[in-house]
C-alpha atoms as a PDB file:
ATOM      1  CA  MET A   1       3.741 -25.127 -29.390  1.00  0.00           C
ATOM      2  CA  LYS A   2       0.189 -24.964 -30.689  1.00  0.00           C
ATOM      3  CA  LEU A   3       0.635 -28.105 -32.819  1.00  0.00           C
ATOM      4  CA  ILE A   4       3.170 -30.929 -33.016  1.00  0.00           C
ATOM      5  CA  ASP A   5       3.923 -32.794 -36.220  1.00  0.00           C
ATOM      6  CA  THR A   6       4.719 -36.164 -34.679  1.00  0.00           C
ATOM      7  CA  HIS A   7       6.294 -37.673 -37.788  1.00  0.00           C
ATOM      8  CA  ALA A   8       8.356 -35.754 -40.344  1.00  0.00           C
ATOM      9  CA  HIS A   9      11.344 -36.717 -42.489  1.00  0.00           C
ATOM     10  CA  ILE A  10      13.073 -33.372 -42.968  1.00  0.00           C
ATOM     11  CA  ASN A  11      16.244 -35.409 -42.502  1.00  0.00           C
ATOM     12  CA  PHE A  12      15.639 -37.005 -45.933  1.00  0.00           C
ATOM     13  CA  ALA A  13      17.408 -35.976 -49.133  1.00  0.00           C
ATOM     14  CA  ASN A  14      14.236 -34.198 -50.329  1.00  0.00           C
ATOM     15  CA  TYR A  15      15.236 -31.303 -48.022  1.00  0.00           C
ATOM     16  CA  LYS A  16      18.969 -31.352 -48.660  1.00  0.00           C
ATOM     17  CA  GLU A  17      19.005 -27.736 -49.837  1.00  0.00           C
ATOM     18  CA  ASP A  18      16.542 -26.136 -47.422  1.00  0.00           C
ATOM     19  CA  ALA A  19      15.954 -28.319 -44.352  1.00  0.00           C
ATOM     20  CA  ASP A  20      16.683 -25.570 -41.835  1.00  0.00           C
ATOM     21  CA  THR A  21      14.438 -23.124 -43.682  1.00  0.00           C
ATOM     22  CA  VAL A  22      11.569 -25.633 -43.549  1.00  0.00           C
ATOM     23  CA  ILE A  23      12.176 -26.266 -39.850  1.00  0.00           C
ATOM     24  CA  ARG A  24      12.333 -22.549 -39.012  1.00  0.00           C
ATOM     25  CA  ASN A  25       9.165 -21.837 -40.996  1.00  0.00           C
ATOM     26  CA  SER A  26       7.285 -24.366 -38.875  1.00  0.00           C
ATOM     27  CA  LEU A  27       8.739 -23.165 -35.582  1.00  0.00           C
ATOM     28  CA  ARG A  28       7.772 -19.615 -36.527  1.00  0.00           C
ATOM     29  CA  GLU A  29       4.174 -20.856 -36.664  1.00  0.00           C
ATOM     30  CA  ASN A  30       4.628 -22.480 -33.217  1.00  0.00           C
ATOM     31  CA  ILE A  31       4.525 -25.923 -34.773  1.00  0.00           C
ATOM     32  CA  GLY A  32       6.972 -28.406 -33.274  1.00  0.00           C
ATOM     33  CA  MET A  33       8.105 -31.635 -34.885  1.00  0.00           C
ATOM     34  CA  VAL A  34       9.653 -35.054 -34.439  1.00  0.00           C
ATOM     35  CA  LEU A  35      12.231 -35.864 -37.106  1.00  0.00           C
ATOM     36  CA  VAL A  36      12.022 -39.591 -37.759  1.00  0.00           C
ATOM     37  CA  GLY A  37      14.869 -41.764 -38.990  1.00  0.00           C
ATOM     38  CA  SER A  38      14.456 -44.702 -41.341  1.00  0.00           C
ATOM     39  CA  GLU A  39      18.020 -46.040 -41.215  1.00  0.00           C
ATOM     40  CA  TYR A  40      21.221 -45.216 -39.339  1.00  0.00           C
ATOM     41  CA  LYS A  41      22.340 -42.321 -41.540  1.00  0.00           C
ATOM     42  CA  THR A  42      18.961 -40.565 -41.535  1.00  0.00           C
ATOM     43  CA  SER A  43      18.569 -41.167 -37.801  1.00  0.00           C
ATOM     44  CA  LYS A  44      21.971 -39.567 -37.203  1.00  0.00           C
ATOM     45  CA  ARG A  45      21.114 -36.693 -39.546  1.00  0.00           C
ATOM     46  CA  ALA A  46      17.857 -36.063 -37.682  1.00  0.00           C
ATOM     47  CA  LEU A  47      19.837 -35.709 -34.479  1.00  0.00           C
ATOM     48  CA  GLU A  48      22.266 -33.296 -36.137  1.00  0.00           C
ATOM     49  CA  TYR A  49      19.381 -31.065 -37.219  1.00  0.00           C
ATOM     50  CA  ALA A  50      17.579 -31.214 -33.879  1.00  0.00           C
ATOM     51  CA  ASN A  51      20.715 -30.278 -31.940  1.00  0.00           C
ATOM     52  CA  LYS A  52      20.691 -26.882 -33.679  1.00  0.00           C
ATOM     53  CA  TYR A  53      17.449 -25.899 -31.949  1.00  0.00           C
ATOM     54  CA  GLU A  54      16.872 -25.290 -28.276  1.00  0.00           C
ATOM     55  CA  LYS A  55      13.308 -26.572 -28.366  1.00  0.00           C
ATOM     56  CA  GLY A  56      10.567 -27.658 -30.724  1.00  0.00           C
ATOM     57  CA  VAL A  57      12.604 -30.207 -32.726  1.00  0.00           C
ATOM     58  CA  TYR A  58      12.915 -33.786 -31.494  1.00  0.00           C
ATOM     59  CA  VAL A  59      14.134 -37.088 -32.904  1.00  0.00           C
ATOM     60  CA  ALA A  60      13.173 -40.728 -33.368  1.00  0.00           C
ATOM     61  CA  VAL A  61      15.879 -43.211 -34.365  1.00  0.00           C
ATOM     62  CA  GLY A  62      15.200 -46.532 -36.012  1.00  0.00           C
ATOM     63  CA  LEU A  63      15.556 -48.870 -38.977  1.00  0.00           C
ATOM     64  CA  HIS A  64      12.550 -49.019 -41.327  1.00  0.00           C
ATOM     65  CA  PRO A  65      11.686 -52.489 -42.674  1.00  0.00           C
ATOM     66  CA  ILE A  66      12.215 -51.475 -46.295  1.00  0.00           C
ATOM     67  CA  HIS A  67      15.891 -50.851 -45.516  1.00  0.00           C
ATOM     68  CA  LEU A  68      16.499 -54.503 -44.665  1.00  0.00           C
ATOM     69  CA  GLN A  69      16.905 -55.435 -48.328  1.00  0.00           C
ATOM     70  CA  ASP A  70      18.024 -53.903 -51.599  1.00  0.00           C
ATOM     71  CA  VAL A  71      14.801 -52.977 -53.328  1.00  0.00           C
ATOM     72  CA  LEU A  72      13.440 -50.389 -55.751  1.00  0.00           C
ATOM     73  CA  VAL A  73      10.741 -48.474 -53.895  1.00  0.00           C
ATOM     74  CA  GLU A  74       8.148 -46.874 -56.145  1.00  0.00           C
ATOM     75  CA  ASN A  75       4.801 -45.244 -55.477  1.00  0.00           C
ATOM     76  CA  GLN A  76       2.260 -43.331 -57.495  1.00  0.00           C
ATOM     77  CA  GLY A  77      -0.883 -42.511 -55.616  1.00  0.00           C
ATOM     78  CA  ASP A  78      -2.170 -41.283 -52.289  1.00  0.00           C
ATOM     79  CA  GLU A  79       1.197 -41.298 -50.516  1.00  0.00           C
ATOM     80  CA  GLY A  80       2.775 -39.221 -53.262  1.00  0.00           C
ATOM     81  CA  ASN A  81       4.942 -39.969 -56.265  1.00  0.00           C
ATOM     82  CA  TYR A  82       8.416 -41.220 -55.461  1.00  0.00           C
ATOM     83  CA  LYS A  83      11.067 -43.654 -56.620  1.00  0.00           C
ATOM     84  CA  PHE A  84      14.309 -44.634 -54.902  1.00  0.00           C
ATOM     85  CA  ARG A  85      16.481 -47.659 -54.280  1.00  0.00           C
ATOM     86  CA  THR A  86      17.275 -48.862 -50.783  1.00  0.00           C
ATOM     87  CA  ARG A  87      20.538 -50.407 -49.604  1.00  0.00           C
ATOM     88  CA  ALA A  88      20.231 -53.251 -47.140  1.00  0.00           C
ATOM     89  CA  GLU A  89      21.357 -52.386 -43.616  1.00  0.00           C
ATOM     90  CA  GLU A  90      22.030 -54.877 -40.839  1.00  0.00           C
ATOM     91  CA  PHE A  91      20.488 -53.695 -37.590  1.00  0.00           C
ATOM     92  CA  ASN A  92      23.160 -52.920 -34.987  1.00  0.00           C
ATOM     93  CA  PHE A  93      21.599 -52.693 -31.525  1.00  0.00           C
ATOM     94  CA  ASP A  94      24.589 -50.953 -29.949  1.00  0.00           C
ATOM     95  CA  ASN A  95      24.852 -48.268 -32.621  1.00  0.00           C
ATOM     96  CA  TYR A  96      21.175 -47.359 -32.354  1.00  0.00           C
ATOM     97  CA  GLN A  97      21.345 -47.437 -28.569  1.00  0.00           C
ATOM     98  CA  LYS A  98      24.168 -44.891 -28.644  1.00  0.00           C
ATOM     99  CA  LEU A  99      22.025 -42.591 -30.776  1.00  0.00           C
ATOM    100  CA  ALA A 100      19.020 -43.132 -28.507  1.00  0.00           C
ATOM    101  CA  GLU A 101      20.986 -41.949 -25.485  1.00  0.00           C
ATOM    102  CA  PHE A 102      20.990 -38.327 -26.698  1.00  0.00           C
ATOM    103  CA  ASN A 103      18.521 -36.012 -24.962  1.00  0.00           C
ATOM    104  CA  LYS A 104      16.792 -34.984 -28.177  1.00  0.00           C
ATOM    105  CA  VAL A 105      15.776 -38.577 -28.929  1.00  0.00           C
ATOM    106  CA  VAL A 106      12.202 -39.153 -27.759  1.00  0.00           C
ATOM    107  CA  ALA A 107      11.233 -42.384 -29.549  1.00  0.00           C
ATOM    108  CA  ILE A 108      12.452 -45.444 -31.428  1.00  0.00           C
ATOM    109  CA  GLY A 109      11.197 -45.353 -34.991  1.00  0.00           C
ATOM    110  CA  GLU A 110      10.179 -45.737 -37.481  1.00  0.00           C
ATOM    111  CA  ILE A 111      10.082 -49.469 -37.109  1.00  0.00           C
ATOM    112  CA  GLY A 112       7.611 -52.173 -38.041  1.00  0.00           C
ATOM    113  CA  LEU A 113       6.535 -54.333 -40.962  1.00  0.00           C
ATOM    114  CA  ASP A 114       6.124 -53.510 -44.648  1.00  0.00           C
ATOM    115  CA  TYR A 115       4.962 -56.306 -46.946  1.00  0.00           C
ATOM    116  CA  TYR A 116       3.975 -53.906 -49.736  1.00  0.00           C
ATOM    117  CA  HIS A 117       7.544 -53.093 -50.811  1.00  0.00           C
ATOM    118  CA  ILE A 118       9.011 -56.589 -50.572  1.00  0.00           C
ATOM    119  CA  ASN A 119      11.210 -57.564 -53.493  1.00  0.00           C
ATOM    120  CA  PHE A 120       9.344 -60.650 -54.651  1.00  0.00           C
ATOM    121  CA  LYS A 121      12.371 -61.892 -56.587  1.00  0.00           C
ATOM    122  CA  ASP A 122      13.778 -62.857 -53.189  1.00  0.00           C
ATOM    123  CA  ASP A 123      12.569 -65.404 -50.630  1.00  0.00           C
ATOM    124  CA  VAL A 124       9.424 -63.703 -49.289  1.00  0.00           C
ATOM    125  CA  SER A 125       9.115 -65.883 -46.193  1.00  0.00           C
ATOM    126  CA  LYS A 126      12.739 -65.181 -45.310  1.00  0.00           C
ATOM    127  CA  ILE A 127      12.248 -61.424 -45.751  1.00  0.00           C
ATOM    128  CA  LYS A 128       9.131 -61.406 -43.594  1.00  0.00           C
ATOM    129  CA  ALA A 129      10.930 -63.382 -40.896  1.00  0.00           C
ATOM    130  CA  LYS A 130      13.792 -60.887 -40.923  1.00  0.00           C
ATOM    131  CA  GLN A 131      11.400 -57.939 -40.680  1.00  0.00           C
ATOM    132  CA  LYS A 132       9.717 -59.526 -37.665  1.00  0.00           C
ATOM    133  CA  SER A 133      13.042 -60.267 -36.008  1.00  0.00           C
ATOM    134  CA  VAL A 134      14.430 -56.748 -36.460  1.00  0.00           C
ATOM    135  CA  PHE A 135      11.121 -55.235 -35.371  1.00  0.00           C
ATOM    136  CA  LEU A 136      11.319 -57.209 -32.128  1.00  0.00           C
ATOM    137  CA  GLU A 137      14.927 -56.159 -31.561  1.00  0.00           C
ATOM    138  CA  GLN A 138      13.906 -52.530 -31.872  1.00  0.00           C
ATOM    139  CA  LEU A 139      10.918 -52.968 -29.580  1.00  0.00           C
ATOM    140  CA  ASN A 140      13.381 -54.348 -27.056  1.00  0.00           C
ATOM    141  CA  LEU A 141      15.586 -51.302 -27.597  1.00  0.00           C
ATOM    142  CA  ALA A 142      12.593 -49.068 -26.897  1.00  0.00           C
ATOM    143  CA  ARG A 143      11.924 -50.937 -23.643  1.00  0.00           C
ATOM    144  CA  LYS A 144      15.573 -50.771 -22.610  1.00  0.00           C
ATOM    145  CA  MET A 145      15.673 -47.009 -23.231  1.00  0.00           C
ATOM    146  CA  ASP A 146      12.180 -46.455 -21.785  1.00  0.00           C
ATOM    147  CA  LEU A 147      11.083 -44.791 -25.026  1.00  0.00           C
ATOM    148  CA  PRO A 148       7.872 -45.210 -27.042  1.00  0.00           C
ATOM    149  CA  ALA A 149       7.918 -46.811 -30.482  1.00  0.00           C
ATOM    150  CA  ILE A 150       6.785 -45.208 -33.750  1.00  0.00           C
ATOM    151  CA  ILE A 151       5.383 -48.127 -35.721  1.00  0.00           C
ATOM    152  CA  HIS A 152       5.026 -48.472 -39.494  1.00  0.00           C
ATOM    153  CA  CYS A 153       2.646 -51.020 -40.976  1.00  0.00           C
ATOM    154  CA  ARG A 154       1.770 -51.611 -44.603  1.00  0.00           C
ATOM    155  CA  GLN A 155      -0.231 -54.665 -45.632  1.00  0.00           C
ATOM    156  CA  ALA A 156       0.889 -56.480 -42.478  1.00  0.00           C
ATOM    157  CA  HIS A 157      -1.596 -55.661 -39.703  1.00  0.00           C
ATOM    158  CA  ASP A 158      -2.330 -59.276 -38.771  1.00  0.00           C
ATOM    159  CA  ASP A 159       1.324 -60.114 -38.176  1.00  0.00           C
ATOM    160  CA  LEU A 160       2.029 -56.732 -36.586  1.00  0.00           C
ATOM    161  CA  TYR A 161      -0.823 -57.024 -34.108  1.00  0.00           C
ATOM    162  CA  GLN A 162       0.233 -60.518 -33.070  1.00  0.00           C
ATOM    163  CA  ILE A 163       3.805 -59.378 -32.429  1.00  0.00           C
ATOM    164  CA  LEU A 164       2.629 -56.409 -30.374  1.00  0.00           C
ATOM    165  CA  GLU A 165       0.152 -58.476 -28.382  1.00  0.00           C
ATOM    166  CA  ASP A 166       2.803 -61.094 -27.573  1.00  0.00           C
ATOM    167  CA  PHE A 167       5.381 -58.422 -26.763  1.00  0.00           C
ATOM    168  CA  LYS A 168       3.088 -56.652 -24.332  1.00  0.00           C
ATOM    169  CA  ALA A 169       2.257 -59.924 -22.578  1.00  0.00           C
ATOM    170  CA  GLU A 170       5.947 -60.756 -22.257  1.00  0.00           C
ATOM    171  CA  HIS A 171       6.865 -57.283 -20.961  1.00  0.00           C
ATOM    172  CA  LYS A 172       3.777 -56.535 -18.898  1.00  0.00           C
ATOM    173  CA  ASP A 173       5.891 -55.783 -15.828  1.00  0.00           C
ATOM    174  CA  SER A 174       8.003 -53.136 -17.577  1.00  0.00           C
ATOM    175  CA  ILE A 175       5.306 -51.426 -19.682  1.00  0.00           C
ATOM    176  CA  ASP A 176       3.671 -48.571 -17.795  1.00  0.00           C
ATOM    177  CA  SER A 177      -0.065 -49.023 -18.338  1.00  0.00           C
ATOM    178  CA  SER A 178      -0.682 -45.341 -17.532  1.00  0.00           C
ATOM    179  CA  LYS A 179       0.948 -44.105 -20.732  1.00  0.00           C
ATOM    180  CA  PRO A 180       1.033 -45.280 -24.367  1.00  0.00           C
ATOM    181  CA  TRP A 181       4.129 -47.274 -25.367  1.00  0.00           C
ATOM    182  CA  GLY A 182       3.736 -46.968 -29.118  1.00  0.00           C
ATOM    183  CA  VAL A 183       1.864 -45.303 -31.963  1.00  0.00           C
ATOM    184  CA  ILE A 184       0.645 -46.794 -35.241  1.00  0.00           C
ATOM    185  CA  HIS A 185       1.805 -44.044 -37.559  1.00  0.00           C
ATOM    186  CA  CYS A 186      -0.294 -43.130 -40.610  1.00  0.00           C
ATOM    187  CA  PHE A 187      -3.111 -45.351 -39.400  1.00  0.00           C
ATOM    188  CA  SER A 188      -4.712 -47.249 -42.281  1.00  0.00           C
ATOM    189  CA  GLY A 189      -7.281 -49.482 -40.616  1.00  0.00           C
ATOM    190  CA  ASP A 190     -10.919 -49.401 -39.545  1.00  0.00           C
ATOM    191  CA  LEU A 191     -12.519 -48.612 -36.185  1.00  0.00           C
ATOM    192  CA  ASP A 192     -12.300 -52.198 -34.941  1.00  0.00           C
ATOM    193  CA  LEU A 193      -8.567 -52.306 -35.643  1.00  0.00           C
ATOM    194  CA  ALA A 194      -8.084 -48.920 -33.969  1.00  0.00           C
ATOM    195  CA  TRP A 195      -9.662 -50.273 -30.786  1.00  0.00           C
ATOM    196  CA  LYS A 196      -7.512 -53.393 -30.908  1.00  0.00           C
ATOM    197  CA  TYR A 197      -4.463 -51.144 -30.840  1.00  0.00           C
ATOM    198  CA  PHE A 198      -5.961 -48.878 -28.157  1.00  0.00           C
ATOM    199  CA  ASN A 199      -6.573 -51.931 -25.988  1.00  0.00           C
ATOM    200  CA  LEU A 200      -2.873 -52.795 -26.262  1.00  0.00           C
ATOM    201  CA  GLY A 201      -2.047 -49.366 -24.880  1.00  0.00           C
ATOM    202  CA  LEU A 202      -1.129 -47.766 -28.207  1.00  0.00           C
ATOM    203  CA  PHE A 203      -2.029 -44.517 -29.963  1.00  0.00           C
ATOM    204  CA  ILE A 204      -2.843 -44.072 -33.653  1.00  0.00           C
ATOM    205  CA  SER A 205      -1.838 -41.133 -35.811  1.00  0.00           C
ATOM    206  CA  PHE A 206      -3.331 -39.478 -38.895  1.00  0.00           C
ATOM    207  CA  THR A 207      -1.638 -37.818 -41.883  1.00  0.00           C
ATOM    208  CA  GLY A 208      -2.790 -35.548 -44.696  1.00  0.00           C
ATOM    209  CA  LEU A 209      -4.203 -38.668 -46.357  1.00  0.00           C
ATOM    210  CA  ILE A 210      -7.437 -38.063 -44.436  1.00  0.00           C
ATOM    211  CA  THR A 211      -7.986 -34.739 -46.251  1.00  0.00           C
ATOM    212  CA  PHE A 212      -8.501 -36.398 -49.641  1.00  0.00           C
ATOM    213  CA  SER A 213      -9.636 -39.932 -48.756  1.00  0.00           C
ATOM    214  CA  ARG A 214     -13.060 -40.513 -47.242  1.00  0.00           C
ATOM    215  CA  GLN A 215     -12.025 -43.981 -46.067  1.00  0.00           C
ATOM    216  CA  PHE A 216     -11.169 -42.797 -42.557  1.00  0.00           C
ATOM    217  CA  ASP A 217     -14.061 -40.390 -41.881  1.00  0.00           C
ATOM    218  CA  ASP A 218     -16.004 -42.761 -39.623  1.00  0.00           C
ATOM    219  CA  VAL A 219     -12.885 -43.708 -37.649  1.00  0.00           C
ATOM    220  CA  ILE A 220     -11.984 -40.055 -37.094  1.00  0.00           C
ATOM    221  CA  ARG A 221     -15.494 -39.162 -35.921  1.00  0.00           C
ATOM    222  CA  LYS A 222     -15.614 -42.012 -33.385  1.00  0.00           C
ATOM    223  CA  VAL A 223     -12.132 -42.485 -31.903  1.00  0.00           C
ATOM    224  CA  PRO A 224     -11.379 -40.805 -28.550  1.00  0.00           C
ATOM    225  CA  LEU A 225      -9.444 -37.554 -28.955  1.00  0.00           C
ATOM    226  CA  ASP A 226      -7.116 -38.572 -26.145  1.00  0.00           C
ATOM    227  CA  LYS A 227      -5.811 -41.547 -28.172  1.00  0.00           C
ATOM    228  CA  ILE A 228      -4.753 -39.863 -31.423  1.00  0.00           C
ATOM    229  CA  MET A 229      -1.926 -37.731 -32.750  1.00  0.00           C
ATOM    230  CA  ILE A 230      -1.359 -35.900 -36.018  1.00  0.00           C
ATOM    231  CA  GLU A 231       1.550 -35.900 -38.440  1.00  0.00           C
ATOM    232  CA  THR A 232       2.615 -34.977 -41.944  1.00  0.00           C
ATOM    233  CA  ASP A 233       4.950 -37.857 -42.859  1.00  0.00           C
ATOM    234  CA  SER A 234       6.792 -35.173 -44.836  1.00  0.00           C
ATOM    235  CA  PRO A 235       7.726 -35.188 -47.673  1.00  0.00           C
ATOM    236  CA  TYR A 236       4.824 -37.568 -48.379  1.00  0.00           C
ATOM    237  CA  MET A 237       1.055 -37.430 -47.760  1.00  0.00           C
ATOM    238  CA  THR A 238       0.672 -33.713 -48.510  1.00  0.00           C
ATOM    239  CA  PRO A 239      -2.800 -32.557 -47.389  1.00  0.00           C
ATOM    240  CA  GLU A 240      -5.331 -30.630 -49.374  1.00  0.00           C
ATOM    241  CA  PRO A 241      -5.149 -27.849 -50.507  1.00  0.00           C
ATOM    242  CA  TYR A 242      -1.401 -28.423 -51.190  1.00  0.00           C
ATOM    243  CA  ARG A 243      -1.609 -31.922 -52.599  1.00  0.00           C
ATOM    244  CA  GLY A 244       0.950 -32.434 -55.358  1.00  0.00           C
ATOM    245  CA  HIS A 245       3.577 -30.338 -53.594  1.00  0.00           C
ATOM    246  CA  ARG A 246       6.292 -31.408 -51.176  1.00  0.00           C
ATOM    247  CA  ASN A 247       4.929 -31.708 -47.661  1.00  0.00           C
ATOM    248  CA  GLU A 248       6.367 -29.978 -44.572  1.00  0.00           C
ATOM    249  CA  PRO A 249       5.547 -29.799 -40.845  1.00  0.00           C
ATOM    250  CA  ALA A 250       3.706 -26.462 -41.051  1.00  0.00           C
ATOM    251  CA  LEU A 251       1.003 -28.210 -43.101  1.00  0.00           C
ATOM    252  CA  VAL A 252       0.020 -30.417 -40.159  1.00  0.00           C
ATOM    253  CA  TYR A 253      -2.470 -27.612 -39.446  1.00  0.00           C
ATOM    254  CA  TYR A 254      -4.662 -28.953 -42.278  1.00  0.00           C
ATOM    255  CA  VAL A 255      -4.746 -32.413 -40.709  1.00  0.00           C
ATOM    256  CA  ALA A 256      -6.005 -30.902 -37.454  1.00  0.00           C
ATOM    257  CA  GLU A 257      -8.483 -28.729 -39.339  1.00  0.00           C
ATOM    258  CA  HIS A 258      -9.955 -31.717 -41.169  1.00  0.00           C
ATOM    259  CA  ILE A 259     -10.381 -33.692 -37.957  1.00  0.00           C
ATOM    260  CA  ALA A 260     -12.173 -30.693 -36.429  1.00  0.00           C
ATOM    261  CA  LYS A 261     -14.538 -30.460 -39.413  1.00  0.00           C
ATOM    262  CA  LEU A 262     -15.395 -34.156 -39.306  1.00  0.00           C
ATOM    263  CA  ARG A 263     -16.089 -34.039 -35.571  1.00  0.00           C
ATOM    264  CA  ASN A 264     -17.902 -30.678 -35.834  1.00  0.00           C
ATOM    265  CA  ILE A 265     -15.730 -29.063 -33.160  1.00  0.00           C
ATOM    266  CA  ASP A 266     -13.432 -26.050 -33.060  1.00  0.00           C
ATOM    267  CA  ILE A 267      -9.906 -26.679 -34.320  1.00  0.00           C
ATOM    268  CA  SER A 268      -8.540 -25.374 -31.012  1.00  0.00           C
ATOM    269  CA  LYS A 269      -9.916 -28.503 -29.293  1.00  0.00           C
ATOM    270  CA  VAL A 270      -8.142 -30.775 -31.764  1.00  0.00           C
ATOM    271  CA  ALA A 271      -4.943 -28.751 -31.457  1.00  0.00           C
ATOM    272  CA  LYS A 272      -4.955 -28.917 -27.668  1.00  0.00           C
ATOM    273  CA  ALA A 273      -5.828 -32.606 -27.492  1.00  0.00           C
ATOM    274  CA  THR A 274      -3.285 -33.787 -30.058  1.00  0.00           C
ATOM    275  CA  THR A 275      -0.536 -31.528 -28.699  1.00  0.00           C
ATOM    276  CA  ASP A 276      -1.183 -32.694 -25.142  1.00  0.00           C
ATOM    277  CA  ASN A 277      -1.163 -36.296 -26.387  1.00  0.00           C
ATOM    278  CA  ALA A 278       2.158 -35.783 -28.176  1.00  0.00           C
ATOM    279  CA  LYS A 279       3.750 -34.177 -25.129  1.00  0.00           C
ATOM    280  CA  ARG A 280       2.641 -37.066 -22.943  1.00  0.00           C
ATOM    281  CA  PHE A 281       3.643 -39.689 -25.504  1.00  0.00           C
ATOM    282  CA  PHE A 282       7.134 -38.314 -26.140  1.00  0.00           C
ATOM    283  CA  GLY A 283       7.711 -36.912 -22.673  1.00  0.00           C
ATOM    284  CA  ILE A 284       8.373 -33.394 -23.943  1.00  0.00           C
ATOM    285  CA  VAL A 285       7.481 -29.979 -22.523  1.00  0.00           C
END
């Protein structure tokens, strides 16, 4: 694999008619992928897709914070244009553990905190408390299964960092300091925040957002190559020059290309570094 898309949702309904075609197109370009669940049914579906392929397609299983309540999720902007309604799911540790036991599962995710999509008609403090509680349960699942965590954060970095810092201190004997135990997917912070996460033993990951937003240029130029990964977050975050279209793993090339341009290095160096990082992070060959 010359590149690995470390976060794709080809298991979502957006690909209901052509998921295998999208997967095969990427594999034909020697681009591997991790299919990431956001609830039980999409986690299970990711595993069903991955089991069709001998190599190159892997899975993360987890419950996204927006699926802890019934809420209308809408977005118009950098992430893409989308609108859907979630159905609240109660996290079942045993059910997710059973999924995580399959060989194709290489991470727990995506999990984390999302204060942006909270339904403010409900008790906000109660919702935040539930998100934190379920996030911790899933971090514990990751430790039990000896798997890294794929972590989502939107408008919640202060709370997220505190949870991660406390969790690492509590589990310092079981967390291997020689390898990263989590990644902040679609990193949205500054250089100082990146280093706070690095110092906890985490990676950060970049999406196609960096190809049309200058906000992250300085971070990308200055972070160590051995602490980052790349992703598409398909079907969202489509990079230039395909912005406005549905995203897919093959387009992760443009994320790597943009990083190479900003750092004034050959794309082959970015490809090798991020692919090596992904292999080490997920424990894949």
